[in-house]
Amino acid sequence: GPRLVYVENTLKMRVIAAYLLCVLGGNKSPDADNIKKVLSSVGVEADKERVDKLLAELKDKSLDDIIAAGKQKLAVLPAGGGGGAAAPSGGSADTPTEAAKEEE
């Protein structure tokens, strides 16, 4: 159900965040132990399968290349919203000019 999807995505993002923290900390090529160490430092148990999958996908790629590829994917997505509801046309019975006329 929706709860399981949320948990899956949260765990996936934690592994990615740990990888990014390693790279930003100066480790250009973090391994599974590095990622597990970051996650365990905040009380999260690393899922070996997720860590191994991430490392396989990112093998021989620089963080700059990964970010550039992500930006290209985002560039093709439509941006902006549908706008929202249109403002009602016409005035209401309590417009200032009508209210002023009634007082007279």
PDB file of N, CA and C in Angstrom:
ATOM      1  N   GLY A   1       0.799  -1.179   0.000  1.00  0.00           N
ATOM      2  CA  GLY A   1       0.000   0.000   0.000  1.00  0.00           C
ATOM      3  C   GLY A   1       0.853   1.258   0.000  1.00  0.00           C
ATOM      4  N   PRO A   2       0.251   2.392   0.166  1.00  0.00           N
ATOM      5  CA  PRO A   2       0.967   3.677   0.148  1.00  0.00           C
ATOM      6  C   PRO A   2       2.037   3.774   1.235  1.00  0.00           C
ATOM      7  N   ARG A   3       1.765   3.191   2.382  1.00  0.00           N
ATOM      8  CA  ARG A   3       2.743   3.244   3.480  1.00  0.00           C
ATOM      9  C   ARG A   3       4.030   2.525   3.098  1.00  0.00           C
ATOM     10  N   LEU A   4       3.911   1.361   2.446  1.00  0.00           N
ATOM     11  CA  LEU A   4       5.078   0.596   2.036  1.00  0.00           C
ATOM     12  C   LEU A   4       5.898   1.366   1.008  1.00  0.00           C
ATOM     13  N   VAL A   5       5.226   2.014   0.063  1.00  0.00           N
ATOM     14  CA  VAL A   5       5.921   2.809  -0.945  1.00  0.00           C
ATOM     15  C   VAL A   5       6.689   3.941  -0.275  1.00  0.00           C
ATOM     16  N   TYR A   6       6.064   4.588   0.702  1.00  0.00           N
ATOM     17  CA  TYR A   6       6.719   5.684   1.427  1.00  0.00           C
ATOM     18  C   TYR A   6       7.975   5.184   2.124  1.00  0.00           C
ATOM     19  N   VAL A   7       7.878   4.041   2.804  1.00  0.00           N
ATOM     20  CA  VAL A   7       9.020   3.478   3.522  1.00  0.00           C
ATOM     21  C   VAL A   7      10.126   3.114   2.542  1.00  0.00           C
ATOM     22  N   GLU A   8       9.770   2.481   1.428  1.00  0.00           N
ATOM     23  CA  GLU A   8      10.759   2.100   0.414  1.00  0.00           C
ATOM     24  C   GLU A   8      11.497   3.327  -0.107  1.00  0.00           C
ATOM     25  N   ASN A   9      10.757   4.376  -0.445  1.00  0.00           N
ATOM     26  CA  ASN A   9      11.378   5.593  -0.972  1.00  0.00           C
ATOM     27  C   ASN A   9      12.247   6.277   0.066  1.00  0.00           C
ATOM     28  N   THR A  10      11.809   6.261   1.315  1.00  0.00           N
ATOM     29  CA  THR A  10      12.587   6.878   2.383  1.00  0.00           C
ATOM     30  C   THR A  10      13.919   6.158   2.567  1.00  0.00           C
ATOM     31  N   LEU A  11      13.886   4.837   2.565  1.00  0.00           N
ATOM     32  CA  LEU A  11      15.117   4.068   2.725  1.00  0.00           C
ATOM     33  C   LEU A  11      16.057   4.288   1.549  1.00  0.00           C
ATOM     34  N   LYS A  12      15.501   4.360   0.341  1.00  0.00           N
ATOM     35  CA  LYS A  12      16.309   4.593  -0.847  1.00  0.00           C
ATOM     36  C   LYS A  12      16.995   5.954  -0.766  1.00  0.00           C
ATOM     37  N   MET A  13      16.249   6.967  -0.342  1.00  0.00           N
ATOM     38  CA  MET A  13      16.808   8.316  -0.250  1.00  0.00           C
ATOM     39  C   MET A  13      17.884   8.407   0.825  1.00  0.00           C
ATOM     40  N   ARG A  14      17.751   7.632   1.881  1.00  0.00           N
ATOM     41  CA  ARG A  14      18.779   7.641   2.928  1.00  0.00           C
ATOM     42  C   ARG A  14      20.097   7.113   2.395  1.00  0.00           C
ATOM     43  N   VAL A  15      20.039   6.073   1.582  1.00  0.00           N
ATOM     44  CA  VAL A  15      21.270   5.515   0.996  1.00  0.00           C
ATOM     45  C   VAL A  15      21.894   6.537   0.050  1.00  0.00           C
ATOM     46  N   ILE A  16      21.068   7.172  -0.762  1.00  0.00           N
ATOM     47  CA  ILE A  16      21.575   8.194  -1.688  1.00  0.00           C
ATOM     48  C   ILE A  16      22.171   9.366  -0.917  1.00  0.00           C
ATOM     49  N   ALA A  17      21.486   9.791   0.135  1.00  0.00           N
ATOM     50  CA  ALA A  17      21.991  10.907   0.948  1.00  0.00           C
ATOM     51  C   ALA A  17      23.327  10.551   1.592  1.00  0.00           C
ATOM     52  N   ALA A  18      23.455   9.333   2.073  1.00  0.00           N
ATOM     53  CA  ALA A  18      24.720   8.911   2.678  1.00  0.00           C
ATOM     54  C   ALA A  18      25.842   8.926   1.643  1.00  0.00           C
ATOM     55  N   TYR A  19      25.549   8.467   0.440  1.00  0.00           N
ATOM     56  CA  TYR A  19      26.530   8.497  -0.646  1.00  0.00           C
ATOM     57  C   TYR A  19      26.968   9.941  -0.909  1.00  0.00           C
ATOM     58  N   LEU A  20      25.988  10.842  -1.032  1.00  0.00           N
ATOM     59  CA  LEU A  20      26.297  12.246  -1.304  1.00  0.00           C
ATOM     60  C   LEU A  20      27.111  12.877  -0.180  1.00  0.00           C
ATOM     61  N   LEU A  21      26.777  12.536   1.057  1.00  0.00           N
ATOM     62  CA  LEU A  21      27.552  13.066   2.189  1.00  0.00           C
ATOM     63  C   LEU A  21      29.002  12.606   2.119  1.00  0.00           C
ATOM     64  N   CYS A  22      29.217  11.374   1.732  1.00  0.00           N
ATOM     65  CA  CYS A  22      30.590  10.872   1.589  1.00  0.00           C
ATOM     66  C   CYS A  22      31.348  11.663   0.527  1.00  0.00           C
ATOM     67  N   VAL A  23      30.695  11.864  -0.627  1.00  0.00           N
ATOM     68  CA  VAL A  23      31.342  12.591  -1.722  1.00  0.00           C
ATOM     69  C   VAL A  23      31.616  14.035  -1.317  1.00  0.00           C
ATOM     70  N   LEU A  24      30.619  14.683  -0.713  1.00  0.00           N
ATOM     71  CA  LEU A  24      30.805  16.065  -0.291  1.00  0.00           C
ATOM     72  C   LEU A  24      31.854  16.193   0.799  1.00  0.00           C
ATOM     73  N   GLY A  25      32.055  15.115   1.547  1.00  0.00           N
ATOM     74  CA  GLY A  25      33.083  15.105   2.584  1.00  0.00           C
ATOM     75  C   GLY A  25      34.485  14.850   2.053  1.00  0.00           C
ATOM     76  N   GLY A  26      34.600  14.640   0.738  1.00  0.00           N
ATOM     77  CA  GLY A  26      35.920  14.482   0.142  1.00  0.00           C
ATOM     78  C   GLY A  26      36.216  13.082  -0.386  1.00  0.00           C
ATOM     79  N   ASN A  27      35.358  12.118  -0.147  1.00  0.00           N
ATOM     80  CA  ASN A  27      35.552  10.766  -0.645  1.00  0.00           C
ATOM     81  C   ASN A  27      34.913  10.677  -2.029  1.00  0.00           C
ATOM     82  N   LYS A  28      35.723  10.744  -3.075  1.00  0.00           N
ATOM     83  CA  LYS A  28      35.196  10.793  -4.443  1.00  0.00           C
ATOM     84  C   LYS A  28      34.580   9.477  -4.890  1.00  0.00           C
ATOM     85  N   SER A  29      34.924   8.378  -4.212  1.00  0.00           N
ATOM     86  CA  SER A  29      34.398   7.071  -4.609  1.00  0.00           C
ATOM     87  C   SER A  29      34.065   6.244  -3.368  1.00  0.00           C
ATOM     88  N   PRO A  30      32.968   6.567  -2.687  1.00  0.00           N
ATOM     89  CA  PRO A  30      32.616   5.840  -1.466  1.00  0.00           C
ATOM     90  C   PRO A  30      32.281   4.374  -1.759  1.00  0.00           C
ATOM     91  N   ASP A  31      32.636   3.506  -0.815  1.00  0.00           N
ATOM     92  CA  ASP A  31      32.271   2.097  -0.948  1.00  0.00           C
ATOM     93  C   ASP A  31      31.149   1.775   0.033  1.00  0.00           C
ATOM     94  N   ALA A  32      30.726   0.534   0.046  1.00  0.00           N
ATOM     95  CA  ALA A  32      29.605   0.117   0.889  1.00  0.00           C
ATOM     96  C   ALA A  32      29.883   0.388   2.362  1.00  0.00           C
ATOM     97  N   ASP A  33      31.101   0.149   2.799  1.00  0.00           N
ATOM     98  CA  ASP A  33      31.433   0.383   4.210  1.00  0.00           C
ATOM     99  C   ASP A  33      31.299   1.856   4.587  1.00  0.00           C
ATOM    100  N   ASN A  34      31.706   2.747   3.672  1.00  0.00           N
ATOM    101  CA  ASN A  34      31.573   4.180   3.933  1.00  0.00           C
ATOM    102  C   ASN A  34      30.106   4.577   4.101  1.00  0.00           C
ATOM    103  N   ILE A  35      29.268   4.067   3.224  1.00  0.00           N
ATOM    104  CA  ILE A  35      27.841   4.397   3.275  1.00  0.00           C
ATOM    105  C   ILE A  35      27.215   3.826   4.543  1.00  0.00           C
ATOM    106  N   LYS A  36      27.550   2.594   4.874  1.00  0.00           N
ATOM    107  CA  LYS A  36      27.020   1.964   6.088  1.00  0.00           C
ATOM    108  C   LYS A  36      27.446   2.731   7.333  1.00  0.00           C
ATOM    109  N   LYS A  37      28.678   3.228   7.321  1.00  0.00           N
ATOM    110  CA  LYS A  37      29.187   3.981   8.469  1.00  0.00           C
ATOM    111  C   LYS A  37      28.401   5.280   8.666  1.00  0.00           C
ATOM    112  N   VAL A  38      28.120   5.976   7.571  1.00  0.00           N
ATOM    113  CA  VAL A  38      27.338   7.217   7.652  1.00  0.00           C
ATOM    114  C   VAL A  38      25.940   6.915   8.177  1.00  0.00           C
ATOM    115  N   LEU A  39      25.295   5.902   7.625  1.00  0.00           N
ATOM    116  CA  LEU A  39      23.940   5.565   8.048  1.00  0.00           C
ATOM    117  C   LEU A  39      23.900   5.126   9.511  1.00  0.00           C
ATOM    118  N   SER A  40      24.854   4.305   9.918  1.00  0.00           N
ATOM    119  CA  SER A  40      24.846   3.829  11.309  1.00  0.00           C
ATOM    120  C   SER A  40      25.109   4.965  12.290  1.00  0.00           C
ATOM    121  N   SER A  41      25.792   6.019  11.839  1.00  0.00           N
ATOM    122  CA  SER A  41      26.072   7.151  12.730  1.00  0.00           C
ATOM    123  C   SER A  41      24.801   7.897  13.126  1.00  0.00           C
ATOM    124  N   VAL A  42      23.732   7.705  12.340  1.00  0.00           N
ATOM    125  CA  VAL A  42      22.454   8.341  12.668  1.00  0.00           C
ATOM    126  C   VAL A  42      21.391   7.298  13.023  1.00  0.00           C
ATOM    127  N   GLY A  43      21.836   6.100  13.330  1.00  0.00           N
ATOM    128  CA  GLY A  43      20.927   5.067  13.809  1.00  0.00           C
ATOM    129  C   GLY A  43      20.119   4.355  12.746  1.00  0.00           C
ATOM    130  N   VAL A  44      20.591   4.369  11.496  1.00  0.00           N
ATOM    131  CA  VAL A  44      19.880   3.695  10.405  1.00  0.00           C
ATOM    132  C   VAL A  44      20.694   2.485   9.972  1.00  0.00           C
ATOM    133  N   GLU A  45      20.016   1.356   9.867  1.00  0.00           N
ATOM    134  CA  GLU A  45      20.690   0.149   9.401  1.00  0.00           C
ATOM    135  C   GLU A  45      20.677   0.148   7.876  1.00  0.00           C
ATOM    136  N   ALA A  46      21.856  -0.026   7.278  1.00  0.00           N
ATOM    137  CA  ALA A  46      21.971  -0.012   5.820  1.00  0.00           C
ATOM    138  C   ALA A  46      21.486  -1.333   5.244  1.00  0.00           C
ATOM    139  N   ASP A  47      20.709  -1.254   4.192  1.00  0.00           N
ATOM    140  CA  ASP A  47      20.252  -2.427   3.461  1.00  0.00           C
ATOM    141  C   ASP A  47      21.322  -2.761   2.421  1.00  0.00           C
ATOM    142  N   LYS A  48      22.006  -3.885   2.604  1.00  0.00           N
ATOM    143  CA  LYS A  48      23.122  -4.258   1.739  1.00  0.00           C
ATOM    144  C   LYS A  48      22.718  -4.266   0.266  1.00  0.00           C
ATOM    145  N   GLU A  49      21.534  -4.783  -0.023  1.00  0.00           N
ATOM    146  CA  GLU A  49      21.079  -4.861  -1.416  1.00  0.00           C
ATOM    147  C   GLU A  49      20.942  -3.471  -2.035  1.00  0.00           C
ATOM    148  N   ARG A  50      20.379  -2.524  -1.280  1.00  0.00           N
ATOM    149  CA  ARG A  50      20.211  -1.158  -1.788  1.00  0.00           C
ATOM    150  C   ARG A  50      21.563  -0.475  -1.987  1.00  0.00           C
ATOM    151  N   VAL A  51      22.449  -0.659  -1.034  1.00  0.00           N
ATOM    152  CA  VAL A  51      23.774  -0.040  -1.125  1.00  0.00           C
ATOM    153  C   VAL A  51      24.517  -0.595  -2.330  1.00  0.00           C
ATOM    154  N   ASP A  52      24.494  -1.914  -2.490  1.00  0.00           N
ATOM    155  CA  ASP A  52      25.199  -2.535  -3.619  1.00  0.00           C
ATOM    156  C   ASP A  52      24.610  -2.087  -4.954  1.00  0.00           C
ATOM    157  N   LYS A  53      23.290  -1.969  -5.022  1.00  0.00           N
ATOM    158  CA  LYS A  53      22.632  -1.534  -6.256  1.00  0.00           C
ATOM    159  C   LYS A  53      23.026  -0.101  -6.601  1.00  0.00           C
ATOM    160  N   LEU A  54      23.015   0.775  -5.600  1.00  0.00           N
ATOM    161  CA  LEU A  54      23.395   2.164  -5.834  1.00  0.00           C
ATOM    162  C   LEU A  54      24.836   2.258  -6.327  1.00  0.00           C
ATOM    163  N   LEU A  55      25.726   1.537  -5.660  1.00  0.00           N
ATOM    164  CA  LEU A  55      27.134   1.594  -6.051  1.00  0.00           C
ATOM    165  C   LEU A  55      27.340   1.052  -7.458  1.00  0.00           C
ATOM    166  N   ALA A  56      26.592   0.020  -7.838  1.00  0.00           N
ATOM    167  CA  ALA A  56      26.707  -0.527  -9.195  1.00  0.00           C
ATOM    168  C   ALA A  56      26.237   0.493 -10.225  1.00  0.00           C
ATOM    169  N   GLU A  57      25.156   1.204  -9.907  1.00  0.00           N
ATOM    170  CA  GLU A  57      24.619   2.206 -10.831  1.00  0.00           C
ATOM    171  C   GLU A  57      25.534   3.413 -10.972  1.00  0.00           C
ATOM    172  N   LEU A  58      26.276   3.726  -9.920  1.00  0.00           N
ATOM    173  CA  LEU A  58      27.111   4.929  -9.935  1.00  0.00           C
ATOM    174  C   LEU A  58      28.574   4.638 -10.247  1.00  0.00           C
ATOM    175  N   LYS A  59      28.892   3.382 -10.488  1.00  0.00           N
ATOM    176  CA  LYS A  59      30.285   2.990 -10.737  1.00  0.00           C
ATOM    177  C   LYS A  59      30.862   3.768 -11.920  1.00  0.00           C
ATOM    178  N   ASP A  60      32.055   4.286 -11.734  1.00  0.00           N
ATOM    179  CA  ASP A  60      32.798   5.028 -12.762  1.00  0.00           C
ATOM    180  C   ASP A  60      32.101   6.309 -13.212  1.00  0.00           C
ATOM    181  N   LYS A  61      31.221   6.868 -12.374  1.00  0.00           N
ATOM    182  CA  LYS A  61      30.573   8.130 -12.702  1.00  0.00           C
ATOM    183  C   LYS A  61      30.945   9.157 -11.637  1.00  0.00           C
ATOM    184  N   SER A  62      31.179  10.377 -12.085  1.00  0.00           N
ATOM    185  CA  SER A  62      31.461  11.447 -11.128  1.00  0.00           C
ATOM    186  C   SER A  62      30.142  12.052 -10.668  1.00  0.00           C
ATOM    187  N   LEU A  63      30.165  12.672  -9.517  1.00  0.00           N
ATOM    188  CA  LEU A  63      28.962  13.315  -8.992  1.00  0.00           C
ATOM    189  C   LEU A  63      28.481  14.405  -9.952  1.00  0.00           C
ATOM    190  N   ASP A  64      29.408  15.119 -10.571  1.00  0.00           N
ATOM    191  CA  ASP A  64      29.032  16.161 -11.529  1.00  0.00           C
ATOM    192  C   ASP A  64      28.262  15.568 -12.711  1.00  0.00           C
ATOM    193  N   ASP A  65      28.719  14.393 -13.206  1.00  0.00           N
ATOM    194  CA  ASP A  65      28.027  13.736 -14.316  1.00  0.00           C
ATOM    195  C   ASP A  65      26.622  13.294 -13.904  1.00  0.00           C
ATOM    196  N   ILE A  66      26.509  12.774 -12.695  1.00  0.00           N
ATOM    197  CA  ILE A  66      25.217  12.294 -12.192  1.00  0.00           C
ATOM    198  C   ILE A  66      24.233  13.451 -12.067  1.00  0.00           C
ATOM    199  N   ILE A  67      24.700  14.565 -11.513  1.00  0.00           N
ATOM    200  CA  ILE A  67      23.838  15.744 -11.355  1.00  0.00           C
ATOM    201  C   ILE A  67      23.445  16.307 -12.717  1.00  0.00           C
ATOM    202  N   ALA A  68      24.385  16.366 -13.659  1.00  0.00           N
ATOM    203  CA  ALA A  68      24.088  16.874 -15.003  1.00  0.00           C
ATOM    204  C   ALA A  68      23.038  15.998 -15.685  1.00  0.00           C
ATOM    205  N   ALA A  69      23.158  14.690 -15.550  1.00  0.00           N
ATOM    206  CA  ALA A  69      22.173  13.780 -16.150  1.00  0.00           C
ATOM    207  C   ALA A  69      20.804  13.977 -15.512  1.00  0.00           C
ATOM    208  N   GLY A  70      20.771  14.183 -14.208  1.00  0.00           N
ATOM    209  CA  GLY A  70      19.509  14.423 -13.512  1.00  0.00           C
ATOM    210  C   GLY A  70      18.862  15.721 -13.955  1.00  0.00           C
ATOM    211  N   LYS A  71      19.669  16.746 -14.173  1.00  0.00           N
ATOM    212  CA  LYS A  71      19.129  18.033 -14.638  1.00  0.00           C
ATOM    213  C   LYS A  71      18.521  17.895 -16.023  1.00  0.00           C
ATOM    214  N   GLN A  72      19.164  17.100 -16.882  1.00  0.00           N
ATOM    215  CA  GLN A  72      18.628  16.893 -18.233  1.00  0.00           C
ATOM    216  C   GLN A  72      17.283  16.186 -18.163  1.00  0.00           C
ATOM    217  N   LYS A  73      17.147  15.217 -17.271  1.00  0.00           N
ATOM    218  CA  LYS A  73      15.880  14.506 -17.125  1.00  0.00           C
ATOM    219  C   LYS A  73      14.795  15.450 -16.617  1.00  0.00           C
ATOM    220  N   LEU A  74      15.152  16.332 -15.681  1.00  0.00           N
ATOM    221  CA  LEU A  74      14.181  17.277 -15.139  1.00  0.00           C
ATOM    222  C   LEU A  74      13.787  18.333 -16.165  1.00  0.00           C
ATOM    223  N   ALA A  75      14.696  18.658 -17.074  1.00  0.00           N
ATOM    224  CA  ALA A  75      14.429  19.705 -18.059  1.00  0.00           C
ATOM    225  C   ALA A  75      13.293  19.335 -19.000  1.00  0.00           C
ATOM    226  N   VAL A  76      13.053  18.050 -19.217  1.00  0.00           N
ATOM    227  CA  VAL A  76      11.996  17.643 -20.142  1.00  0.00           C
ATOM    228  C   VAL A  76      10.633  17.560 -19.467  1.00  0.00           C
ATOM    229  N   LEU A  77      10.597  17.664 -18.158  1.00  0.00           N
ATOM    230  CA  LEU A  77       9.325  17.620 -17.446  1.00  0.00           C
ATOM    231  C   LEU A  77       8.626  18.973 -17.547  1.00  0.00           C
ATOM    232  N   PRO A  78       7.312  18.961 -17.669  1.00  0.00           N
ATOM    233  CA  PRO A  78       6.607  20.244 -17.710  1.00  0.00           C
ATOM    234  C   PRO A  78       6.738  20.964 -16.374  1.00  0.00           C
ATOM    235  N   ALA A  79       6.925  22.253 -16.443  1.00  0.00           N
ATOM    236  CA  ALA A  79       7.071  23.043 -15.225  1.00  0.00           C
ATOM    237  C   ALA A  79       5.868  23.949 -15.061  1.00  0.00           C
ATOM    238  N   GLY A  80       5.598  24.321 -13.864  1.00  0.00           N
ATOM    239  CA  GLY A  80       4.489  25.220 -13.602  1.00  0.00           C
ATOM    240  C   GLY A  80       3.217  24.454 -13.327  1.00  0.00           C
ATOM    241  N   GLY A  81       2.269  25.150 -12.816  1.00  0.00           N
ATOM    242  CA  GLY A  81       1.016  24.501 -12.470  1.00  0.00           C
ATOM    243  C   GLY A  81      -0.070  24.816 -13.479  1.00  0.00           C
ATOM    244  N   GLY A  82      -1.208  24.283 -13.228  1.00  0.00           N
ATOM    245  CA  GLY A  82      -2.348  24.513 -14.088  1.00  0.00           C
ATOM    246  C   GLY A  82      -2.981  25.869 -13.859  1.00  0.00           C
ATOM    247  N   GLY A  83      -2.522  26.568 -12.885  1.00  0.00           N
ATOM    248  CA  GLY A  83      -3.019  27.917 -12.645  1.00  0.00           C
ATOM    249  C   GLY A  83      -3.958  28.022 -11.462  1.00  0.00           C
ATOM    250  N   GLY A  84      -4.910  27.171 -11.366  1.00  0.00           N
ATOM    251  CA  GLY A  84      -5.870  27.267 -10.273  1.00  0.00           C
ATOM    252  C   GLY A  84      -7.192  27.814 -10.782  1.00  0.00           C
ATOM    253  N   ALA A  85      -8.081  28.056  -9.882  1.00  0.00           N
ATOM    254  CA  ALA A  85      -9.424  28.513 -10.249  1.00  0.00           C
ATOM    255  C   ALA A  85      -9.380  29.967 -10.691  1.00  0.00           C
ATOM    256  N   ALA A  86     -10.204  30.287 -11.666  1.00  0.00           N
ATOM    257  CA  ALA A  86     -10.296  31.667 -12.143  1.00  0.00           C
ATOM    258  C   ALA A  86     -11.056  32.499 -11.122  1.00  0.00           C
ATOM    259  N   ALA A  87     -10.714  33.755 -11.065  1.00  0.00           N
ATOM    260  CA  ALA A  87     -11.426  34.652 -10.157  1.00  0.00           C
ATOM    261  C   ALA A  87     -12.857  34.809 -10.646  1.00  0.00           C
ATOM    262  N   PRO A  88     -13.802  34.901  -9.741  1.00  0.00           N
ATOM    263  CA  PRO A  88     -15.200  35.051 -10.171  1.00  0.00           C
ATOM    264  C   PRO A  88     -15.384  36.372 -10.897  1.00  0.00           C
ATOM    265  N   SER A  89     -16.185  36.350 -11.936  1.00  0.00           N
ATOM    266  CA  SER A  89     -16.423  37.589 -12.676  1.00  0.00           C
ATOM    267  C   SER A  89     -17.650  38.290 -12.089  1.00  0.00           C
ATOM    268  N   GLY A  90     -17.701  39.578 -12.276  1.00  0.00           N
ATOM    269  CA  GLY A  90     -18.830  40.348 -11.739  1.00  0.00           C
ATOM    270  C   GLY A  90     -18.636  40.635 -10.270  1.00  0.00           C
ATOM    271  N   GLY A  91     -19.334  41.587  -9.788  1.00  0.00           N
ATOM    272  CA  GLY A  91     -19.174  41.964  -8.386  1.00  0.00           C
ATOM    273  C   GLY A  91     -20.239  41.328  -7.522  1.00  0.00           C
ATOM    274  N   SER A  92     -20.039  41.404  -6.259  1.00  0.00           N
ATOM    275  CA  SER A  92     -21.055  40.894  -5.339  1.00  0.00           C
ATOM    276  C   SER A  92     -21.982  42.045  -4.961  1.00  0.00           C
ATOM    277  N   ALA A  93     -23.023  41.744  -4.243  1.00  0.00           N
ATOM    278  CA  ALA A  93     -23.992  42.773  -3.856  1.00  0.00           C
ATOM    279  C   ALA A  93     -23.410  43.750  -2.850  1.00  0.00           C
ATOM    280  N   ASP A  94     -22.301  43.377  -2.220  1.00  0.00           N
ATOM    281  CA  ASP A  94     -21.739  44.232  -1.177  1.00  0.00           C
ATOM    282  C   ASP A  94     -20.514  45.000  -1.656  1.00  0.00           C
ATOM    283  N   THR A  95     -20.467  45.387  -2.902  1.00  0.00           N
ATOM    284  CA  THR A  95     -19.334  46.171  -3.372  1.00  0.00           C
ATOM    285  C   THR A  95     -19.403  47.555  -2.739  1.00  0.00           C
ATOM    286  N   PRO A  96     -18.284  48.215  -2.584  1.00  0.00           N
ATOM    287  CA  PRO A  96     -18.264  49.526  -1.898  1.00  0.00           C
ATOM    288  C   PRO A  96     -19.185  50.547  -2.515  1.00  0.00           C
ATOM    289  N   THR A  97     -19.290  50.614  -3.823  1.00  0.00           N
ATOM    290  CA  THR A  97     -20.146  51.629  -4.426  1.00  0.00           C
ATOM    291  C   THR A  97     -21.611  51.361  -4.163  1.00  0.00           C
ATOM    292  N   GLU A  98     -22.028  50.123  -4.188  1.00  0.00           N
ATOM    293  CA  GLU A  98     -23.418  49.796  -3.904  1.00  0.00           C
ATOM    294  C   GLU A  98     -23.730  50.027  -2.432  1.00  0.00           C
ATOM    295  N   ALA A  99     -22.785  49.680  -1.571  1.00  0.00           N
ATOM    296  CA  ALA A  99     -23.004  49.879  -0.127  1.00  0.00           C
ATOM    297  C   ALA A  99     -23.122  51.368   0.171  1.00  0.00           C
ATOM    298  N   ALA A 100     -22.355  52.201  -0.494  1.00  0.00           N
ATOM    299  CA  ALA A 100     -22.402  53.660  -0.272  1.00  0.00           C
ATOM    300  C   ALA A 100     -23.743  54.216  -0.732  1.00  0.00           C
ATOM    301  N   LYS A 101     -24.265  53.689  -1.852  1.00  0.00           N
ATOM    302  CA  LYS A 101     -25.548  54.162  -2.367  1.00  0.00           C
ATOM    303  C   LYS A 101     -26.679  53.808  -1.408  1.00  0.00           C
ATOM    304  N   GLU A 102     -26.597  52.624  -0.780  1.00  0.00           N
ATOM    305  CA  GLU A 102     -27.643  52.200   0.129  1.00  0.00           C
ATOM    306  C   GLU A 102     -27.713  53.064   1.377  1.00  0.00           C
ATOM    307  N   GLU A 103     -26.552  53.582   1.814  1.00  0.00           N
ATOM    308  CA  GLU A 103     -26.503  54.387   3.024  1.00  0.00           C
ATOM    309  C   GLU A 103     -27.181  55.740   2.816  1.00  0.00           C
ATOM    310  N   GLU A 104     -27.165  56.234   1.602  1.00  0.00           N
ATOM    311  CA  GLU A 104     -27.714  57.559   1.315  1.00  0.00           C
ATOM    312  C   GLU A 104     -29.168  57.638   1.366  1.00  0.00           C
TER     313      GLU A 104
END
